[in-house]
Amino acid sequence: MIDDVLITQSALPFTTMLGNQNLTIFKKLIEYGGFSNDFDNLENITYFAPNDEAFERSDQGKYWMQMLDESPQKLKNNEKLKRFLEYHVVSPMIKTRD
């Protein structure tokens, strides 16, 4: 009898993995911006998601943390936020011979 299906980390949506790895600020920014589907549907890419400590140590990170606290409604479909989040996504290198 099968009680449950075990899902590997790599099969989980990106936003779920962020929560599992305690990358809460990055996850909140994606969710509040309304970009969850955009990021969950990307394939064959690498994410360099900053951890919460990195947000606390950088000026950019502090800015986005302040926006989360003071004006989360301004994050919805925010193009500046989307560019910031996409900066942490890298497509695989494709060589000319491929």
PDB file of N, CA and C in Angstrom:
ATOM      1  N   MET A   1       0.833  -1.157   0.000  1.00  0.00           N
ATOM      2  CA  MET A   1       0.000   0.000   0.000  1.00  0.00           C
ATOM      3  C   MET A   1       0.894   1.243   0.000  1.00  0.00           C
ATOM      4  N   ILE A   2       0.540   2.238  -0.823  1.00  0.00           N
ATOM      5  CA  ILE A   2       1.286   3.487  -0.903  1.00  0.00           C
ATOM      6  C   ILE A   2       0.533   4.543  -0.100  1.00  0.00           C
ATOM      7  N   ASP A   3       1.205   5.084   0.916  1.00  0.00           N
ATOM      8  CA  ASP A   3       0.586   6.108   1.748  1.00  0.00           C
ATOM      9  C   ASP A   3       0.889   7.521   1.265  1.00  0.00           C
ATOM     10  N   ASP A   4       2.049   7.694   0.674  1.00  0.00           N
ATOM     11  CA  ASP A   4       2.471   9.035   0.307  1.00  0.00           C
ATOM     12  C   ASP A   4       3.484   8.949  -0.826  1.00  0.00           C
ATOM     13  N   VAL A   5       3.548   9.985  -1.605  1.00  0.00           N
ATOM     14  CA  VAL A   5       4.531  10.063  -2.678  1.00  0.00           C
ATOM     15  C   VAL A   5       5.682  10.923  -2.182  1.00  0.00           C
ATOM     16  N   LEU A   6       6.884  10.414  -2.297  1.00  0.00           N
ATOM     17  CA  LEU A   6       8.066  11.174  -1.899  1.00  0.00           C
ATOM     18  C   LEU A   6       8.560  11.962  -3.105  1.00  0.00           C
ATOM     19  N   ILE A   7       8.686  13.251  -2.932  1.00  0.00           N
ATOM     20  CA  ILE A   7       9.123  14.121  -4.016  1.00  0.00           C
ATOM     21  C   ILE A   7      10.539  14.587  -3.720  1.00  0.00           C
ATOM     22  N   THR A   8      11.413  14.457  -4.702  1.00  0.00           N
ATOM     23  CA  THR A   8      12.785  14.931  -4.523  1.00  0.00           C
ATOM     24  C   THR A   8      12.806  16.447  -4.553  1.00  0.00           C
ATOM     25  N   GLN A   9      13.822  17.029  -3.943  1.00  0.00           N
ATOM     26  CA  GLN A   9      13.958  18.485  -3.910  1.00  0.00           C
ATOM     27  C   GLN A   9      13.932  19.073  -5.311  1.00  0.00           C
ATOM     28  N   SER A  10      14.569  18.414  -6.260  1.00  0.00           N
ATOM     29  CA  SER A  10      14.662  18.966  -7.610  1.00  0.00           C
ATOM     30  C   SER A  10      13.317  18.966  -8.332  1.00  0.00           C
ATOM     31  N   ALA A  11      12.368  18.195  -7.847  1.00  0.00           N
ATOM     32  CA  ALA A  11      11.052  18.154  -8.483  1.00  0.00           C
ATOM     33  C   ALA A  11      10.089  19.174  -7.897  1.00  0.00           C
ATOM     34  N   LEU A  12      10.469  19.802  -6.807  1.00  0.00           N
ATOM     35  CA  LEU A  12       9.605  20.777  -6.167  1.00  0.00           C
ATOM     36  C   LEU A  12       9.638  22.106  -6.912  1.00  0.00           C
ATOM     37  N   PRO A  13       8.559  22.870  -6.850  1.00  0.00           N
ATOM     38  CA  PRO A  13       8.596  24.225  -7.418  1.00  0.00           C
ATOM     39  C   PRO A  13       9.653  25.064  -6.697  1.00  0.00           C
ATOM     40  N   PHE A  14      10.221  25.987  -7.418  1.00  0.00           N
ATOM     41  CA  PHE A  14      11.293  26.817  -6.873  1.00  0.00           C
ATOM     42  C   PHE A  14      10.872  27.529  -5.593  1.00  0.00           C
ATOM     43  N   THR A  15       9.675  28.085  -5.571  1.00  0.00           N
ATOM     44  CA  THR A  15       9.250  28.823  -4.389  1.00  0.00           C
ATOM     45  C   THR A  15       9.087  27.909  -3.170  1.00  0.00           C
ATOM     46  N   THR A  16       8.727  26.669  -3.377  1.00  0.00           N
ATOM     47  CA  THR A  16       8.647  25.705  -2.274  1.00  0.00           C
ATOM     48  C   THR A  16      10.040  25.404  -1.740  1.00  0.00           C
ATOM     49  N   MET A  17      10.992  25.231  -2.646  1.00  0.00           N
ATOM     50  CA  MET A  17      12.372  24.964  -2.221  1.00  0.00           C
ATOM     51  C   MET A  17      12.940  26.142  -1.435  1.00  0.00           C
ATOM     52  N   LEU A  18      12.588  27.362  -1.815  1.00  0.00           N
ATOM     53  CA  LEU A  18      13.066  28.527  -1.072  1.00  0.00           C
ATOM     54  C   LEU A  18      12.618  28.460   0.375  1.00  0.00           C
ATOM     55  N   GLY A  19      11.367  28.113   0.584  1.00  0.00           N
ATOM     56  CA  GLY A  19      10.849  27.988   1.944  1.00  0.00           C
ATOM     57  C   GLY A  19      11.542  26.892   2.720  1.00  0.00           C
ATOM     58  N   ASN A  20      11.845  25.798   2.057  1.00  0.00           N
ATOM     59  CA  ASN A  20      12.525  24.678   2.714  1.00  0.00           C
ATOM     60  C   ASN A  20      13.966  25.015   3.085  1.00  0.00           C
ATOM     61  N   GLN A  21      14.572  25.963   2.383  1.00  0.00           N
ATOM     62  CA  GLN A  21      15.964  26.333   2.614  1.00  0.00           C
ATOM     63  C   GLN A  21      16.106  27.607   3.456  1.00  0.00           C
ATOM     64  N   ASN A  22      15.011  28.090   4.017  1.00  0.00           N
ATOM     65  CA  ASN A  22      15.000  29.312   4.829  1.00  0.00           C
ATOM     66  C   ASN A  22      15.508  30.535   4.070  1.00  0.00           C
ATOM     67  N   LEU A  23      15.151  30.630   2.818  1.00  0.00           N
ATOM     68  CA  LEU A  23      15.439  31.816   2.014  1.00  0.00           C
ATOM     69  C   LEU A  23      14.159  32.648   1.976  1.00  0.00           C
ATOM     70  N   THR A  24      13.727  33.056   3.158  1.00  0.00           N
ATOM     71  CA  THR A  24      12.394  33.617   3.323  1.00  0.00           C
ATOM     72  C   THR A  24      12.215  34.984   2.678  1.00  0.00           C
ATOM     73  N   ILE A  25      13.216  35.836   2.739  1.00  0.00           N
ATOM     74  CA  ILE A  25      13.059  37.173   2.170  1.00  0.00           C
ATOM     75  C   ILE A  25      12.946  37.088   0.654  1.00  0.00           C
ATOM     76  N   PHE A  26      13.804  36.314   0.020  1.00  0.00           N
ATOM     77  CA  PHE A  26      13.744  36.148  -1.428  1.00  0.00           C
ATOM     78  C   PHE A  26      12.386  35.571  -1.833  1.00  0.00           C
ATOM     79  N   LYS A  27      11.916  34.596  -1.073  1.00  0.00           N
ATOM     80  CA  LYS A  27      10.612  33.983  -1.364  1.00  0.00           C
ATOM     81  C   LYS A  27       9.485  35.004  -1.222  1.00  0.00           C
ATOM     82  N   LYS A  28       9.512  35.792  -0.161  1.00  0.00           N
ATOM     83  CA  LYS A  28       8.473  36.806   0.038  1.00  0.00           C
ATOM     84  C   LYS A  28       8.471  37.817  -1.102  1.00  0.00           C
ATOM     85  N   LEU A  29       9.650  38.215  -1.558  1.00  0.00           N
ATOM     86  CA  LEU A  29       9.722  39.177  -2.658  1.00  0.00           C
ATOM     87  C   LEU A  29       9.090  38.611  -3.927  1.00  0.00           C
ATOM     88  N   ILE A  30       9.366  37.347  -4.200  1.00  0.00           N
ATOM     89  CA  ILE A  30       8.759  36.704  -5.372  1.00  0.00           C
ATOM     90  C   ILE A  30       7.242  36.650  -5.224  1.00  0.00           C
ATOM     91  N   GLU A  31       6.780  36.259  -4.055  1.00  0.00           N
ATOM     92  CA  GLU A  31       5.343  36.122  -3.830  1.00  0.00           C
ATOM     93  C   GLU A  31       4.630  37.473  -3.832  1.00  0.00           C
ATOM     94  N   TYR A  32       5.154  38.458  -3.101  1.00  0.00           N
ATOM     95  CA  TYR A  32       4.521  39.769  -3.031  1.00  0.00           C
ATOM     96  C   TYR A  32       4.559  40.471  -4.389  1.00  0.00           C
ATOM     97  N   GLY A  33       5.576  40.184  -5.186  1.00  0.00           N
ATOM     98  CA  GLY A  33       5.661  40.759  -6.519  1.00  0.00           C
ATOM     99  C   GLY A  33       4.715  40.104  -7.509  1.00  0.00           C
ATOM    100  N   GLY A  34       4.184  38.943  -7.143  1.00  0.00           N
ATOM    101  CA  GLY A  34       3.288  38.219  -8.036  1.00  0.00           C
ATOM    102  C   GLY A  34       4.039  37.445  -9.114  1.00  0.00           C
ATOM    103  N   PHE A  35       5.290  37.064  -8.818  1.00  0.00           N
ATOM    104  CA  PHE A  35       6.134  36.402  -9.808  1.00  0.00           C
ATOM    105  C   PHE A  35       6.323  34.907  -9.554  1.00  0.00           C
ATOM    106  N   SER A  36       5.544  34.324  -8.653  1.00  0.00           N
ATOM    107  CA  SER A  36       5.726  32.905  -8.309  1.00  0.00           C
ATOM    108  C   SER A  36       5.657  32.003  -9.533  1.00  0.00           C
ATOM    109  N   ASN A  37       4.627  32.172 -10.346  1.00  0.00           N
ATOM    110  CA  ASN A  37       4.487  31.317 -11.528  1.00  0.00           C
ATOM    111  C   ASN A  37       5.636  31.514 -12.503  1.00  0.00           C
ATOM    112  N   ASP A  38       6.075  32.757 -12.675  1.00  0.00           N
ATOM    113  CA  ASP A  38       7.193  33.035 -13.580  1.00  0.00           C
ATOM    114  C   ASP A  38       8.442  32.252 -13.166  1.00  0.00           C
ATOM    115  N   PHE A  39       8.746  32.267 -11.888  1.00  0.00           N
ATOM    116  CA  PHE A  39       9.964  31.609 -11.414  1.00  0.00           C
ATOM    117  C   PHE A  39       9.787  30.095 -11.300  1.00  0.00           C
ATOM    118  N   ASP A  40       8.603  29.651 -10.921  1.00  0.00           N
ATOM    119  CA  ASP A  40       8.362  28.215 -10.809  1.00  0.00           C
ATOM    120  C   ASP A  40       8.388  27.523 -12.167  1.00  0.00           C
ATOM    121  N   ASN A  41       8.058  28.249 -13.227  1.00  0.00           N
ATOM    122  CA  ASN A  41       7.977  27.640 -14.550  1.00  0.00           C
ATOM    123  C   ASN A  41       9.272  27.702 -15.352  1.00  0.00           C
ATOM    124  N   LEU A  42      10.309  28.333 -14.816  1.00  0.00           N
ATOM    125  CA  LEU A  42      11.590  28.360 -15.520  1.00  0.00           C
ATOM    126  C   LEU A  42      12.227  26.980 -15.478  1.00  0.00           C
ATOM    127  N   GLU A  43      12.855  26.591 -16.579  1.00  0.00           N
ATOM    128  CA  GLU A  43      13.500  25.283 -16.648  1.00  0.00           C
ATOM    129  C   GLU A  43      14.949  25.426 -17.088  1.00  0.00           C
ATOM    130  N   ASN A  44      15.762  24.497 -16.658  1.00  0.00           N
ATOM    131  CA  ASN A  44      17.166  24.410 -17.048  1.00  0.00           C
ATOM    132  C   ASN A  44      17.907  25.708 -16.769  1.00  0.00           C
ATOM    133  N   ILE A  45      17.759  26.217 -15.566  1.00  0.00           N
ATOM    134  CA  ILE A  45      18.454  27.430 -15.152  1.00  0.00           C
ATOM    135  C   ILE A  45      19.061  27.196 -13.767  1.00  0.00           C
ATOM    136  N   THR A  46      19.895  28.126 -13.362  1.00  0.00           N
ATOM    137  CA  THR A  46      20.501  28.079 -12.038  1.00  0.00           C
ATOM    138  C   THR A  46      20.091  29.335 -11.284  1.00  0.00           C
ATOM    139  N   TYR A  47      19.680  29.164 -10.043  1.00  0.00           N
ATOM    140  CA  TYR A  47      19.325  30.286  -9.185  1.00  0.00           C
ATOM    141  C   TYR A  47      20.467  30.549  -8.219  1.00  0.00           C
ATOM    142  N   PHE A  48      20.770  31.814  -8.015  1.00  0.00           N
ATOM    143  CA  PHE A  48      21.697  32.244  -6.977  1.00  0.00           C
ATOM    144  C   PHE A  48      20.890  33.098  -6.005  1.00  0.00           C
ATOM    145  N   ALA A  49      20.069  32.433  -5.224  1.00  0.00           N
ATOM    146  CA  ALA A  49      19.171  33.128  -4.309  1.00  0.00           C
ATOM    147  C   ALA A  49      19.929  33.548  -3.055  1.00  0.00           C
ATOM    148  N   PRO A  50      19.928  34.845  -2.767  1.00  0.00           N
ATOM    149  CA  PRO A  50      20.625  35.307  -1.556  1.00  0.00           C
ATOM    150  C   PRO A  50      19.879  34.859  -0.299  1.00  0.00           C
ATOM    151  N   ASN A  51      20.651  34.468   0.696  1.00  0.00           N
ATOM    152  CA  ASN A  51      20.007  34.087   1.954  1.00  0.00           C
ATOM    153  C   ASN A  51      19.614  35.345   2.729  1.00  0.00           C
ATOM    154  N   ASP A  52      18.904  35.163   3.817  1.00  0.00           N
ATOM    155  CA  ASP A  52      18.400  36.300   4.575  1.00  0.00           C
ATOM    156  C   ASP A  52      19.537  37.168   5.110  1.00  0.00           C
ATOM    157  N   GLU A  53      20.628  36.554   5.493  1.00  0.00           N
ATOM    158  CA  GLU A  53      21.777  37.317   6.005  1.00  0.00           C
ATOM    159  C   GLU A  53      22.355  38.230   4.921  1.00  0.00           C
ATOM    160  N   ALA A  54      22.393  37.752   3.686  1.00  0.00           N
ATOM    161  CA  ALA A  54      22.898  38.577   2.582  1.00  0.00           C
ATOM    162  C   ALA A  54      22.016  39.802   2.377  1.00  0.00           C
ATOM    163  N   PHE A  55      20.713  39.645   2.531  1.00  0.00           N
ATOM    164  CA  PHE A  55      19.812  40.792   2.420  1.00  0.00           C
ATOM    165  C   PHE A  55      20.117  41.809   3.512  1.00  0.00           C
ATOM    166  N   GLU A  56      20.364  41.325   4.712  1.00  0.00           N
ATOM    167  CA  GLU A  56      20.611  42.213   5.842  1.00  0.00           C
ATOM    168  C   GLU A  56      21.936  42.960   5.715  1.00  0.00           C
ATOM    169  N   ARG A  57      22.867  42.436   4.939  1.00  0.00           N
ATOM    170  CA  ARG A  57      24.198  43.036   4.821  1.00  0.00           C
ATOM    171  C   ARG A  57      24.382  43.952   3.611  1.00  0.00           C
ATOM    172  N   SER A  58      23.447  43.926   2.682  1.00  0.00           N
ATOM    173  CA  SER A  58      23.631  44.732   1.468  1.00  0.00           C
ATOM    174  C   SER A  58      22.623  45.875   1.411  1.00  0.00           C
ATOM    175  N   ASP A  59      23.021  46.957   0.758  1.00  0.00           N
ATOM    176  CA  ASP A  59      22.130  48.105   0.623  1.00  0.00           C
ATOM    177  C   ASP A  59      20.889  47.738  -0.183  1.00  0.00           C
ATOM    178  N   GLN A  60      21.078  47.005  -1.285  1.00  0.00           N
ATOM    179  CA  GLN A  60      19.939  46.557  -2.096  1.00  0.00           C
ATOM    180  C   GLN A  60      19.003  45.695  -1.260  1.00  0.00           C
ATOM    181  N   GLY A  61      19.587  44.772  -0.520  1.00  0.00           N
ATOM    182  CA  GLY A  61      18.783  43.881   0.313  1.00  0.00           C
ATOM    183  C   GLY A  61      17.996  44.645   1.361  1.00  0.00           C
ATOM    184  N   LYS A  62      18.643  45.609   1.996  1.00  0.00           N
ATOM    185  CA  LYS A  62      17.962  46.417   3.014  1.00  0.00           C
ATOM    186  C   LYS A  62      16.813  47.207   2.394  1.00  0.00           C
ATOM    187  N   TYR A  63      17.031  47.695   1.180  1.00  0.00           N
ATOM    188  CA  TYR A  63      15.974  48.435   0.487  1.00  0.00           C
ATOM    189  C   TYR A  63      14.740  47.549   0.295  1.00  0.00           C
ATOM    190  N   TRP A  64      14.958  46.329  -0.216  1.00  0.00           N
ATOM    191  CA  TRP A  64      13.817  45.436  -0.468  1.00  0.00           C
ATOM    192  C   TRP A  64      13.178  44.958   0.833  1.00  0.00           C
ATOM    193  N   MET A  65      13.968  44.782   1.869  1.00  0.00           N
ATOM    194  CA  MET A  65      13.410  44.410   3.169  1.00  0.00           C
ATOM    195  C   MET A  65      12.520  45.540   3.703  1.00  0.00           C
ATOM    196  N   GLN A  66      12.960  46.770   3.521  1.00  0.00           N
ATOM    197  CA  GLN A  66      12.178  47.919   3.954  1.00  0.00           C
ATOM    198  C   GLN A  66      10.865  47.999   3.172  1.00  0.00           C
ATOM    199  N   MET A  67      10.939  47.726   1.875  1.00  0.00           N
ATOM    200  CA  MET A  67       9.724  47.722   1.062  1.00  0.00           C
ATOM    201  C   MET A  67       8.750  46.646   1.554  1.00  0.00           C
ATOM    202  N   LEU A  68       9.269  45.476   1.891  1.00  0.00           N
ATOM    203  CA  LEU A  68       8.413  44.414   2.429  1.00  0.00           C
ATOM    204  C   LEU A  68       7.705  44.864   3.700  1.00  0.00           C
ATOM    205  N   ASP A  69       8.437  45.556   4.561  1.00  0.00           N
ATOM    206  CA  ASP A  69       7.873  45.986   5.845  1.00  0.00           C
ATOM    207  C   ASP A  69       6.919  47.164   5.713  1.00  0.00           C
ATOM    208  N   GLU A  70       7.293  48.154   4.900  1.00  0.00           N
ATOM    209  CA  GLU A  70       6.550  49.415   4.885  1.00  0.00           C
ATOM    210  C   GLU A  70       5.529  49.540   3.757  1.00  0.00           C
ATOM    211  N   SER A  71       5.830  48.972   2.593  1.00  0.00           N
ATOM    212  CA  SER A  71       4.949  49.159   1.432  1.00  0.00           C
ATOM    213  C   SER A  71       4.841  47.898   0.590  1.00  0.00           C
ATOM    214  N   PRO A  72       4.408  46.791   1.171  1.00  0.00           N
ATOM    215  CA  PRO A  72       4.378  45.549   0.384  1.00  0.00           C
ATOM    216  C   PRO A  72       3.470  45.628  -0.841  1.00  0.00           C
ATOM    217  N   GLN A  73       2.469  46.473  -0.802  1.00  0.00           N
ATOM    218  CA  GLN A  73       1.571  46.620  -1.947  1.00  0.00           C
ATOM    219  C   GLN A  73       2.288  47.206  -3.161  1.00  0.00           C
ATOM    220  N   LYS A  74       3.358  47.947  -2.952  1.00  0.00           N
ATOM    221  CA  LYS A  74       4.117  48.533  -4.057  1.00  0.00           C
ATOM    222  C   LYS A  74       4.987  47.503  -4.776  1.00  0.00           C
ATOM    223  N   LEU A  75       5.088  46.319  -4.229  1.00  0.00           N
ATOM    224  CA  LEU A  75       5.907  45.272  -4.847  1.00  0.00           C
ATOM    225  C   LEU A  75       5.163  44.545  -5.960  1.00  0.00           C
ATOM    226  N   LYS A  76       3.848  44.589  -5.944  1.00  0.00           N
ATOM    227  CA  LYS A  76       3.041  43.863  -6.934  1.00  0.00           C
ATOM    228  C   LYS A  76       3.381  44.340  -8.343  1.00  0.00           C
ATOM    229  N   ASN A  77       3.843  43.404  -9.178  1.00  0.00           N
ATOM    230  CA  ASN A  77       4.213  43.667 -10.571  1.00  0.00           C
ATOM    231  C   ASN A  77       5.235  44.790 -10.721  1.00  0.00           C
ATOM    232  N   ASN A  78       6.087  44.953  -9.734  1.00  0.00           N
ATOM    233  CA  ASN A  78       7.122  45.986  -9.742  1.00  0.00           C
ATOM    234  C   ASN A  78       8.261  45.547 -10.665  1.00  0.00           C
ATOM    235  N   GLU A  79       8.476  46.287 -11.736  1.00  0.00           N
ATOM    236  CA  GLU A  79       9.492  45.917 -12.729  1.00  0.00           C
ATOM    237  C   GLU A  79      10.910  45.995 -12.157  1.00  0.00           C
ATOM    238  N   LYS A  80      11.162  46.953 -11.281  1.00  0.00           N
ATOM    239  CA  LYS A  80      12.476  47.060 -10.648  1.00  0.00           C
ATOM    240  C   LYS A  80      12.753  45.815  -9.797  1.00  0.00           C
ATOM    241  N   LEU A  81      11.744  45.374  -9.073  1.00  0.00           N
ATOM    242  CA  LEU A  81      11.871  44.150  -8.272  1.00  0.00           C
ATOM    243  C   LEU A  81      12.092  42.947  -9.173  1.00  0.00           C
ATOM    244  N   LYS A  82      11.351  42.863 -10.259  1.00  0.00           N
ATOM    245  CA  LYS A  82      11.493  41.732 -11.173  1.00  0.00           C
ATOM    246  C   LYS A  82      12.916  41.660 -11.736  1.00  0.00           C
ATOM    247  N   ARG A  83      13.477  42.803 -12.119  1.00  0.00           N
ATOM    248  CA  ARG A  83      14.865  42.823 -12.616  1.00  0.00           C
ATOM    249  C   ARG A  83      15.838  42.369 -11.530  1.00  0.00           C
ATOM    250  N   PHE A  84      15.597  42.818 -10.293  1.00  0.00           N
ATOM    251  CA  PHE A  84      16.448  42.401  -9.177  1.00  0.00           C
ATOM    252  C   PHE A  84      16.385  40.889  -8.989  1.00  0.00           C
ATOM    253  N   LEU A  85      15.202  40.325  -9.021  1.00  0.00           N
ATOM    254  CA  LEU A  85      15.040  38.883  -8.844  1.00  0.00           C
ATOM    255  C   LEU A  85      15.652  38.110 -10.011  1.00  0.00           C
ATOM    256  N   GLU A  86      15.439  38.589 -11.228  1.00  0.00           N
ATOM    257  CA  GLU A  86      15.976  37.913 -12.421  1.00  0.00           C
ATOM    258  C   GLU A  86      17.499  37.982 -12.480  1.00  0.00           C
ATOM    259  N   TYR A  87      18.082  38.970 -11.818  1.00  0.00           N
ATOM    260  CA  TYR A  87      19.542  39.070 -11.749  1.00  0.00           C
ATOM    261  C   TYR A  87      20.136  37.825 -11.092  1.00  0.00           C
ATOM    262  N   HIS A  88      19.361  37.142 -10.286  1.00  0.00           N
ATOM    263  CA  HIS A  88      19.812  35.957  -9.556  1.00  0.00           C
ATOM    264  C   HIS A  88      19.503  34.652 -10.289  1.00  0.00           C
ATOM    265  N   VAL A  89      19.162  34.749 -11.563  1.00  0.00           N
ATOM    266  CA  VAL A  89      18.849  33.586 -12.396  1.00  0.00           C
ATOM    267  C   VAL A  89      19.825  33.560 -13.565  1.00  0.00           C
ATOM    268  N   VAL A  90      20.445  32.399 -13.788  1.00  0.00           N
ATOM    269  CA  VAL A  90      21.410  32.273 -14.869  1.00  0.00           C
ATOM    270  C   VAL A  90      21.014  31.095 -15.744  1.00  0.00           C
ATOM    271  N   SER A  91      20.950  31.354 -17.039  1.00  0.00           N
ATOM    272  CA  SER A  91      20.698  30.278 -18.008  1.00  0.00           C
ATOM    273  C   SER A  91      21.979  29.489 -18.181  1.00  0.00           C
ATOM    274  N   PRO A  92      21.857  28.225 -18.553  1.00  0.00           N
ATOM    275  CA  PRO A  92      23.072  27.434 -18.764  1.00  0.00           C
ATOM    276  C   PRO A  92      23.836  27.972 -19.963  1.00  0.00           C
ATOM    277  N   MET A  93      25.141  27.815 -19.895  1.00  0.00           N
ATOM    278  CA  MET A  93      25.972  28.238 -21.016  1.00  0.00           C
ATOM    279  C   MET A  93      25.792  27.257 -22.169  1.00  0.00           C
ATOM    280  N   ILE A  94      25.515  27.787 -23.342  1.00  0.00           N
ATOM    281  CA  ILE A  94      25.374  26.971 -24.536  1.00  0.00           C
ATOM    282  C   ILE A  94      26.566  27.271 -25.446  1.00  0.00           C
ATOM    283  N   LYS A  95      27.325  26.286 -25.730  1.00  0.00           N
ATOM    284  CA  LYS A  95      28.521  26.471 -26.561  1.00  0.00           C
ATOM    285  C   LYS A  95      28.142  26.431 -28.022  1.00  0.00           C
ATOM    286  N   THR A  96      28.921  27.086 -28.866  1.00  0.00           N
ATOM    287  CA  THR A  96      28.618  27.149 -30.283  1.00  0.00           C
ATOM    288  C   THR A  96      28.572  25.777 -30.918  1.00  0.00           C
ATOM    289  N   ARG A  97      29.355  24.857 -30.435  1.00  0.00           N
ATOM    290  CA  ARG A  97      29.357  23.517 -31.024  1.00  0.00           C
ATOM    291  C   ARG A  97      28.072  22.754 -30.723  1.00  0.00           C
ATOM    292  N   ASP A  98      27.333  23.190 -29.691  1.00  0.00           N
ATOM    293  CA  ASP A  98      26.075  22.537 -29.342  1.00  0.00           C
ATOM    294  C   ASP A  98      24.975  23.016 -30.259  1.00  0.00           C
TER     295      ASP A  98
END
